[in-house]
PDB file of N, CA and C in Angstrom:
ATOM      1  N   MET A   1      -0.761  -8.234  -3.059  1.00  0.00           N
ATOM      2  CA  MET A   1      -0.494  -6.875  -2.644  1.00  0.00           C
ATOM      3  C   MET A   1      -0.122  -6.902  -1.162  1.00  0.00           C
ATOM      4  N   GLU A   2       0.845  -6.122  -0.788  1.00  0.00           N
ATOM      5  CA  GLU A   2       1.215  -6.036   0.617  1.00  0.00           C
ATOM      6  C   GLU A   2       0.109  -5.355   1.401  1.00  0.00           C
ATOM      7  N   SER A   3      -0.006  -5.683   2.682  1.00  0.00           N
ATOM      8  CA  SER A   3      -1.148  -5.178   3.437  1.00  0.00           C
ATOM      9  C   SER A   3      -1.080  -3.670   3.685  1.00  0.00           C
ATOM     10  N   GLY A   4       0.102  -3.086   3.877  1.00  0.00           N
ATOM     11  CA  GLY A   4       0.195  -1.643   4.114  1.00  0.00           C
ATOM     12  C   GLY A   4      -0.328  -0.820   2.955  1.00  0.00           C
ATOM     13  N   PRO A   5       0.204  -1.018   1.741  1.00  0.00           N
ATOM     14  CA  PRO A   5      -0.308  -0.261   0.595  1.00  0.00           C
ATOM     15  C   PRO A   5      -1.769  -0.584   0.264  1.00  0.00           C
ATOM     16  N   ALA A   6      -2.188  -1.830   0.500  1.00  0.00           N
ATOM     17  CA  ALA A   6      -3.582  -2.195   0.212  1.00  0.00           C
ATOM     18  C   ALA A   6      -4.527  -1.453   1.148  1.00  0.00           C
ATOM     19  N   ILE A   7      -4.155  -1.340   2.413  1.00  0.00           N
ATOM     20  CA  ILE A   7      -4.991  -0.618   3.370  1.00  0.00           C
ATOM     21  C   ILE A   7      -5.052   0.863   3.011  1.00  0.00           C
ATOM     22  N   PHE A   8      -3.895   1.445   2.692  1.00  0.00           N
ATOM     23  CA  PHE A   8      -3.857   2.869   2.328  1.00  0.00           C
ATOM     24  C   PHE A   8      -4.688   3.129   1.077  1.00  0.00           C
ATOM     25  N   ALA A   9      -4.480   2.336   0.029  1.00  0.00           N
ATOM     26  CA  ALA A   9      -5.218   2.540  -1.221  1.00  0.00           C
ATOM     27  C   ALA A   9      -6.710   2.318  -1.010  1.00  0.00           C
ATOM     28  N   GLY A  10      -7.067   1.285  -0.259  1.00  0.00           N
ATOM     29  CA  GLY A  10      -8.478   1.020   0.007  1.00  0.00           C
ATOM     30  C   GLY A  10      -9.142   2.161   0.749  1.00  0.00           C
ATOM     31  N   MET A  11      -8.448   2.718   1.747  1.00  0.00           N
ATOM     32  CA  MET A  11      -9.007   3.835   2.501  1.00  0.00           C
ATOM     33  C   MET A  11      -9.157   5.077   1.630  1.00  0.00           C
ATOM     34  N   VAL A  12      -8.153   5.357   0.799  1.00  0.00           N
ATOM     35  CA  VAL A  12      -8.230   6.540  -0.071  1.00  0.00           C
ATOM     36  C   VAL A  12      -9.393   6.407  -1.045  1.00  0.00           C
ATOM     37  N   PHE A  13      -9.518   5.259  -1.692  1.00  0.00           N
ATOM     38  CA  PHE A  13     -10.612   5.060  -2.644  1.00  0.00           C
ATOM     39  C   PHE A  13     -11.971   5.122  -1.952  1.00  0.00           C
ATOM     40  N   CYS A  14     -12.099   4.483  -0.789  1.00  0.00           N
ATOM     41  CA  CYS A  14     -13.382   4.482  -0.090  1.00  0.00           C
ATOM     42  C   CYS A  14     -13.751   5.867   0.443  1.00  0.00           C
ATOM     43  N   LEU A  15     -12.789   6.591   0.983  1.00  0.00           N
ATOM     44  CA  LEU A  15     -13.086   7.941   1.477  1.00  0.00           C
ATOM     45  C   LEU A  15     -13.476   8.878   0.346  1.00  0.00           C
ATOM     46  N   PHE A  16     -12.741   8.811  -0.766  1.00  0.00           N
ATOM     47  CA  PHE A  16     -13.087   9.679  -1.895  1.00  0.00           C
ATOM     48  C   PHE A  16     -14.440   9.293  -2.483  1.00  0.00           C
ATOM     49  N   GLY A  17     -14.676   8.001  -2.677  1.00  0.00           N
ATOM     50  CA  GLY A  17     -15.951   7.551  -3.232  1.00  0.00           C
ATOM     51  C   GLY A  17     -17.121   7.901  -2.331  1.00  0.00           C
ATOM     52  N   GLY A  18     -16.953   7.706  -1.024  1.00  0.00           N
ATOM     53  CA  GLY A  18     -18.018   8.050  -0.081  1.00  0.00           C
ATOM     54  C   GLY A  18     -18.276   9.547  -0.040  1.00  0.00           C
ATOM     55  N   GLY A  19     -17.206  10.333  -0.058  1.00  0.00           N
ATOM     56  CA  GLY A  19     -17.364  11.788  -0.062  1.00  0.00           C
ATOM     57  C   GLY A  19     -18.041  12.281  -1.327  1.00  0.00           C
ATOM     58  N   LEU A  20     -17.638  11.729  -2.459  1.00  0.00           N
ATOM     59  CA  LEU A  20     -18.247  12.130  -3.729  1.00  0.00           C
ATOM     60  C   LEU A  20     -19.716  11.740  -3.773  1.00  0.00           C
ATOM     61  N   LEU A  21     -20.033  10.560  -3.274  1.00  0.00           N
ATOM     62  CA  LEU A  21     -21.426  10.112  -3.265  1.00  0.00           C
ATOM     63  C   LEU A  21     -22.268  10.983  -2.336  1.00  0.00           C
ATOM     64  N   ALA A  22     -21.743  11.318  -1.167  1.00  0.00           N
ATOM     65  CA  ALA A  22     -22.477  12.162  -0.224  1.00  0.00           C
ATOM     66  C   ALA A  22     -22.667  13.570  -0.796  1.00  0.00           C
ATOM     67  N   TRP A  23     -21.616  14.118  -1.408  1.00  0.00           N
ATOM     68  CA  TRP A  23     -21.708  15.452  -1.984  1.00  0.00           C
ATOM     69  C   TRP A  23     -22.724  15.483  -3.131  1.00  0.00           C
ATOM     70  N   THR A  24     -22.685  14.473  -3.991  1.00  0.00           N
ATOM     71  CA  THR A  24     -23.618  14.405  -5.119  1.00  0.00           C
ATOM     72  C   THR A  24     -25.054  14.278  -4.624  1.00  0.00           C
ATOM     73  N   ALA A  25     -25.269  13.416  -3.633  1.00  0.00           N
ATOM     74  CA  ALA A  25     -26.625  13.240  -3.100  1.00  0.00           C
ATOM     75  C   ALA A  25     -27.134  14.526  -2.461  1.00  0.00           C
ATOM     76  N   THR A  26     -26.254  15.235  -1.765  1.00  0.00           N
ATOM     77  CA  THR A  26     -26.651  16.494  -1.137  1.00  0.00           C
ATOM     78  C   THR A  26     -27.018  17.539  -2.190  1.00  0.00           C
ATOM     79  N   ARG A  27     -26.208  17.649  -3.227  1.00  0.00           N
ATOM     80  CA  ARG A  27     -26.491  18.629  -4.288  1.00  0.00           C
ATOM     81  C   ARG A  27     -27.803  18.298  -5.004  1.00  0.00           C
ATOM     82  N   VAL A  28     -28.024  17.016  -5.279  1.00  0.00           N
ATOM     83  CA  VAL A  28     -29.251  16.619  -5.979  1.00  0.00           C
ATOM     84  C   VAL A  28     -30.469  16.869  -5.094  1.00  0.00           C
ATOM     85  N   ARG A  29     -30.359  16.561  -3.806  1.00  0.00           N
ATOM     86  CA  ARG A  29     -31.471  16.756  -2.880  1.00  0.00           C
ATOM     87  C   ARG A  29     -31.830  18.239  -2.738  1.00  0.00           C
ATOM     88  N   GLN A  30     -30.842  19.123  -2.848  1.00  0.00           N
ATOM     89  CA  GLN A  30     -31.077  20.559  -2.737  1.00  0.00           C
ATOM     90  C   GLN A  30     -31.451  21.199  -4.076  1.00  0.00           C
ATOM     91  N   HIS A  31     -31.551  20.394  -5.121  1.00  0.00           N
ATOM     92  CA  HIS A  31     -31.856  20.873  -6.473  1.00  0.00           C
ATOM     93  C   HIS A  31     -30.829  21.897  -6.942  1.00  0.00           C
ATOM     94  N   ARG A  32     -29.572  21.631  -6.644  1.00  0.00           N
ATOM     95  CA  ARG A  32     -28.474  22.489  -7.093  1.00  0.00           C
ATOM     96  C   ARG A  32     -27.662  21.710  -8.119  1.00  0.00           C
ATOM     97  N   PRO A  33     -26.963  22.385  -9.011  1.00  0.00           N
ATOM     98  CA  PRO A  33     -26.210  21.662 -10.048  1.00  0.00           C
ATOM     99  C   PRO A  33     -25.007  20.921  -9.475  1.00  0.00           C
ATOM    100  N   VAL A  34     -24.750  19.747 -10.016  1.00  0.00           N
ATOM    101  CA  VAL A  34     -23.574  18.978  -9.633  1.00  0.00           C
ATOM    102  C   VAL A  34     -22.361  19.504 -10.392  1.00  0.00           C
ATOM    103  N   ALA A  35     -22.559  19.885 -11.655  1.00  0.00           N
ATOM    104  CA  ALA A  35     -21.505  20.487 -12.471  1.00  0.00           C
ATOM    105  C   ALA A  35     -22.142  21.613 -13.278  1.00  0.00           C
ATOM    106  N   HIS A  36     -21.495  22.737 -13.350  1.00  0.00           N
ATOM    107  CA  HIS A  36     -22.039  23.888 -14.066  1.00  0.00           C
ATOM    108  C   HIS A  36     -21.886  23.701 -15.571  1.00  0.00           C
ATOM    109  N   GLY A  37     -22.915  24.059 -16.306  1.00  0.00           N
ATOM    110  CA  GLY A  37     -22.877  24.005 -17.760  1.00  0.00           C
ATOM    111  C   GLY A  37     -23.165  22.633 -18.339  1.00  0.00           C
ATOM    112  N   VAL A  38     -23.638  21.706 -17.509  1.00  0.00           N
ATOM    113  CA  VAL A  38     -23.919  20.342 -17.962  1.00  0.00           C
ATOM    114  C   VAL A  38     -25.339  20.004 -17.528  1.00  0.00           C
ATOM    115  N   SER A  39     -25.960  19.093 -18.230  1.00  0.00           N
ATOM    116  CA  SER A  39     -27.290  18.639 -17.855  1.00  0.00           C
ATOM    117  C   SER A  39     -27.278  18.129 -16.410  1.00  0.00           C
ATOM    118  N   PRO A  40     -28.221  18.550 -15.583  1.00  0.00           N
ATOM    119  CA  PRO A  40     -28.241  18.107 -14.184  1.00  0.00           C
ATOM    120  C   PRO A  40     -28.355  16.596 -14.031  1.00  0.00           C
ATOM    121  N   VAL A  41     -29.143  15.971 -14.879  1.00  0.00           N
ATOM    122  CA  VAL A  41     -29.315  14.522 -14.795  1.00  0.00           C
ATOM    123  C   VAL A  41     -28.024  13.809 -15.199  1.00  0.00           C
ATOM    124  N   ALA A  42     -27.409  14.266 -16.277  1.00  0.00           N
ATOM    125  CA  ALA A  42     -26.177  13.625 -16.745  1.00  0.00           C
ATOM    126  C   ALA A  42     -25.038  13.803 -15.752  1.00  0.00           C
ATOM    127  N   SER A  43     -24.895  14.998 -15.193  1.00  0.00           N
ATOM    128  CA  SER A  43     -23.796  15.215 -14.252  1.00  0.00           C
ATOM    129  C   SER A  43     -23.992  14.418 -12.972  1.00  0.00           C
ATOM    130  N   ALA A  44     -25.230  14.314 -12.490  1.00  0.00           N
ATOM    131  CA  ALA A  44     -25.488  13.520 -11.290  1.00  0.00           C
ATOM    132  C   ALA A  44     -25.249  12.037 -11.561  1.00  0.00           C
ATOM    133  N   ALA A  45     -25.624  11.583 -12.736  1.00  0.00           N
ATOM    134  CA  ALA A  45     -25.424  10.171 -13.077  1.00  0.00           C
ATOM    135  C   ALA A  45     -23.940   9.831 -13.197  1.00  0.00           C
ATOM    136  N   VAL A  46     -23.183  10.688 -13.845  1.00  0.00           N
ATOM    137  CA  VAL A  46     -21.747  10.435 -14.006  1.00  0.00           C
ATOM    138  C   VAL A  46     -21.035  10.500 -12.662  1.00  0.00           C
ATOM    139  N   ALA A  47     -21.374  11.479 -11.834  1.00  0.00           N
ATOM    140  CA  ALA A  47     -20.744  11.591 -10.522  1.00  0.00           C
ATOM    141  C   ALA A  47     -21.121  10.404  -9.638  1.00  0.00           C
ATOM    142  N   GLY A  48     -22.372   9.982  -9.688  1.00  0.00           N
ATOM    143  CA  GLY A  48     -22.798   8.812  -8.918  1.00  0.00           C
ATOM    144  C   GLY A  48     -22.114   7.544  -9.374  1.00  0.00           C
ATOM    145  N   LEU A  49     -21.979   7.382 -10.679  1.00  0.00           N
ATOM    146  CA  LEU A  49     -21.292   6.203 -11.215  1.00  0.00           C
ATOM    147  C   LEU A  49     -19.822   6.207 -10.822  1.00  0.00           C
ATOM    148  N   ALA A  50     -19.177   7.353 -10.889  1.00  0.00           N
ATOM    149  CA  ALA A  50     -17.774   7.448 -10.488  1.00  0.00           C
ATOM    150  C   ALA A  50     -17.613   7.111  -9.006  1.00  0.00           C
ATOM    151  N   ALA A  51     -18.536   7.583  -8.171  1.00  0.00           N
ATOM    152  CA  ALA A  51     -18.468   7.292  -6.738  1.00  0.00           C
ATOM    153  C   ALA A  51     -18.604   5.796  -6.478  1.00  0.00           C
ATOM    154  N   VAL A  52     -19.522   5.154  -7.162  1.00  0.00           N
ATOM    155  CA  VAL A  52     -19.703   3.711  -6.981  1.00  0.00           C
ATOM    156  C   VAL A  52     -18.470   2.951  -7.456  1.00  0.00           C
ATOM    157  N   ILE A  53     -17.859   3.397  -8.541  1.00  0.00           N
ATOM    158  CA  ILE A  53     -16.639   2.744  -9.037  1.00  0.00           C
ATOM    159  C   ILE A  53     -15.516   2.890  -8.015  1.00  0.00           C
ATOM    160  N   PHE A  54     -15.349   4.082  -7.444  1.00  0.00           N
ATOM    161  CA  PHE A  54     -14.305   4.285  -6.434  1.00  0.00           C
ATOM    162  C   PHE A  54     -14.557   3.424  -5.204  1.00  0.00           C
ATOM    163  N   LEU A  55     -15.803   3.311  -4.764  1.00  0.00           N
ATOM    164  CA  LEU A  55     -16.118   2.466  -3.618  1.00  0.00           C
ATOM    165  C   LEU A  55     -15.859   0.991  -3.919  1.00  0.00           C
ATOM    166  N   THR A  56     -16.151   0.561  -5.140  1.00  0.00           N
ATOM    167  CA  THR A  56     -15.897  -0.820  -5.537  1.00  0.00           C
ATOM    168  C   THR A  56     -14.406  -1.117  -5.579  1.00  0.00           C
ATOM    169  N   VAL A  57     -13.619  -0.204  -6.120  1.00  0.00           N
ATOM    170  CA  VAL A  57     -12.168  -0.394  -6.160  1.00  0.00           C
ATOM    171  C   VAL A  57     -11.597  -0.416  -4.745  1.00  0.00           C
ATOM    172  N   GLY A  58     -12.114   0.425  -3.868  1.00  0.00           N
ATOM    173  CA  GLY A  58     -11.676   0.416  -2.478  1.00  0.00           C
ATOM    174  C   GLY A  58     -11.985  -0.904  -1.799  1.00  0.00           C
ATOM    175  N   ALA A  59     -13.177  -1.424  -2.018  1.00  0.00           N
ATOM    176  CA  ALA A  59     -13.541  -2.728  -1.453  1.00  0.00           C
ATOM    177  C   ALA A  59     -12.661  -3.831  -2.021  1.00  0.00           C
ATOM    178  N   TRP A  60     -12.340  -3.741  -3.308  1.00  0.00           N
ATOM    179  CA  TRP A  60     -11.471  -4.743  -3.921  1.00  0.00           C
ATOM    180  C   TRP A  60     -10.082  -4.707  -3.277  1.00  0.00           C
ATOM    181  N   CYS A  61      -9.581  -3.513  -2.997  1.00  0.00           N
ATOM    182  CA  CYS A  61      -8.279  -3.397  -2.336  1.00  0.00           C
ATOM    183  C   CYS A  61      -8.297  -4.072  -0.969  1.00  0.00           C
ATOM    184  N   PHE A  62      -9.396  -3.933  -0.237  1.00  0.00           N
ATOM    185  CA  PHE A  62      -9.489  -4.561   1.073  1.00  0.00           C
ATOM    186  C   PHE A  62      -9.569  -6.085   0.989  1.00  0.00           C
ATOM    187  N   THR A  63     -10.051  -6.614  -0.125  1.00  0.00           N
ATOM    188  CA  THR A  63     -10.090  -8.079  -0.255  1.00  0.00           C
ATOM    189  C   THR A  63      -8.714  -8.644  -0.576  1.00  0.00           C
ATOM    190  N   ARG A  64      -7.767  -7.809  -0.946  1.00  0.00           N
ATOM    191  CA  ARG A  64      -6.420  -8.252  -1.289  1.00  0.00           C
ATOM    192  C   ARG A  64      -5.496  -8.316  -0.079  1.00  0.00           C
ATOM    193  N   LEU A  65      -6.029  -8.145   1.132  1.00  0.00           N
ATOM    194  CA  LEU A  65      -5.181  -8.177   2.333  1.00  0.00           C
ATOM    195  C   LEU A  65      -4.743  -9.595   2.653  1.00  0.00           C
TER     196      LEU A  65
END
Protein backbone atom coordinates (compact mmCIF):
# COMPACT_ATOMS: atom_id res chain seq x y z
CA MET A 1 0.00 0.00 0.00
CA GLU A 2 1.29 3.47 -0.75
CA SER A 3 2.11 5.52 2.31
CA GLY A 4 -0.30 8.42 1.58
CA PRO A 5 -3.49 6.34 1.37
CA ALA A 6 -2.31 4.07 4.21
CA ILE A 7 -1.83 7.05 6.51
CA PHE A 8 -5.21 8.53 5.57
CA ALA A 9 -7.07 5.23 5.97
CA GLY A 10 -5.28 4.45 9.24
CA MET A 11 -6.16 7.85 10.68
CA VAL A 12 -9.81 7.60 9.61
CA PHE A 13 -10.21 4.13 11.11
CA CYS A 14 -8.40 5.05 14.34
CA LEU A 15 -10.29 8.32 14.83
CA PHE A 16 -13.66 6.69 14.20
CA GLY A 17 -12.85 3.68 16.39
CA GLY A 18 -11.53 5.87 19.21
CA GLY A 19 -14.53 8.19 19.01
CA LEU A 20 -16.98 5.30 19.01
CA LEU A 21 -15.23 3.66 21.95
CA ALA A 22 -15.18 6.92 23.94
CA TRP A 23 -18.84 7.63 23.15
CA THR A 24 -19.90 4.09 24.10
CA ALA A 25 -17.94 4.20 27.36
CA THR A 26 -19.45 7.58 28.23
CA ARG A 27 -23.00 6.39 27.55
CA VAL A 28 -22.48 3.19 29.57
CA ARG A 29 -20.91 5.09 32.48
CA GLN A 30 -23.90 7.48 32.57
CA HIS A 31 -26.36 4.55 32.44
CA ARG A 32 -27.86 5.88 29.22
CA PRO A 33 -28.79 3.71 26.23
CA VAL A 34 -26.24 3.20 23.48
CA ALA A 35 -29.01 2.41 20.97
CA HIS A 36 -32.72 2.96 21.48
CA GLY A 37 -35.00 -0.06 21.40
CA VAL A 38 -32.19 -2.59 21.94
CA SER A 39 -30.91 -4.37 25.01
CA PRO A 40 -28.40 -2.07 26.76
CA VAL A 41 -25.89 -4.87 27.24
CA ALA A 42 -26.14 -6.07 23.64
CA SER A 43 -25.86 -2.59 22.14
CA ALA A 44 -22.85 -1.71 24.29
CA ALA A 45 -21.16 -4.99 23.41
CA VAL A 46 -21.73 -4.59 19.68
CA ALA A 47 -20.60 -0.95 19.69
CA GLY A 48 -17.51 -1.83 21.74
CA LEU A 49 -16.65 -4.71 19.43
CA ALA A 50 -17.06 -2.50 16.37
CA ALA A 51 -14.80 0.14 17.93
CA VAL A 52 -12.09 -2.42 18.65
CA ILE A 53 -12.34 -3.76 15.09
CA PHE A 54 -11.97 -0.24 13.65
CA LEU A 55 -8.95 0.43 15.88
CA THR A 56 -7.37 -2.87 14.82
CA VAL A 57 -7.90 -2.13 11.13
CA GLY A 58 -6.39 1.33 11.64
CA ALA A 59 -3.34 -0.16 13.33
CA TRP A 60 -3.03 -2.68 10.50
CA CYS A 61 -3.04 0.16 7.97
CA PHE A 62 -0.18 1.83 9.83
CA THR A 63 1.88 -1.37 9.69
CA ARG A 64 1.61 -1.30 5.88
CA LEU A 65 3.71 1.89 5.58
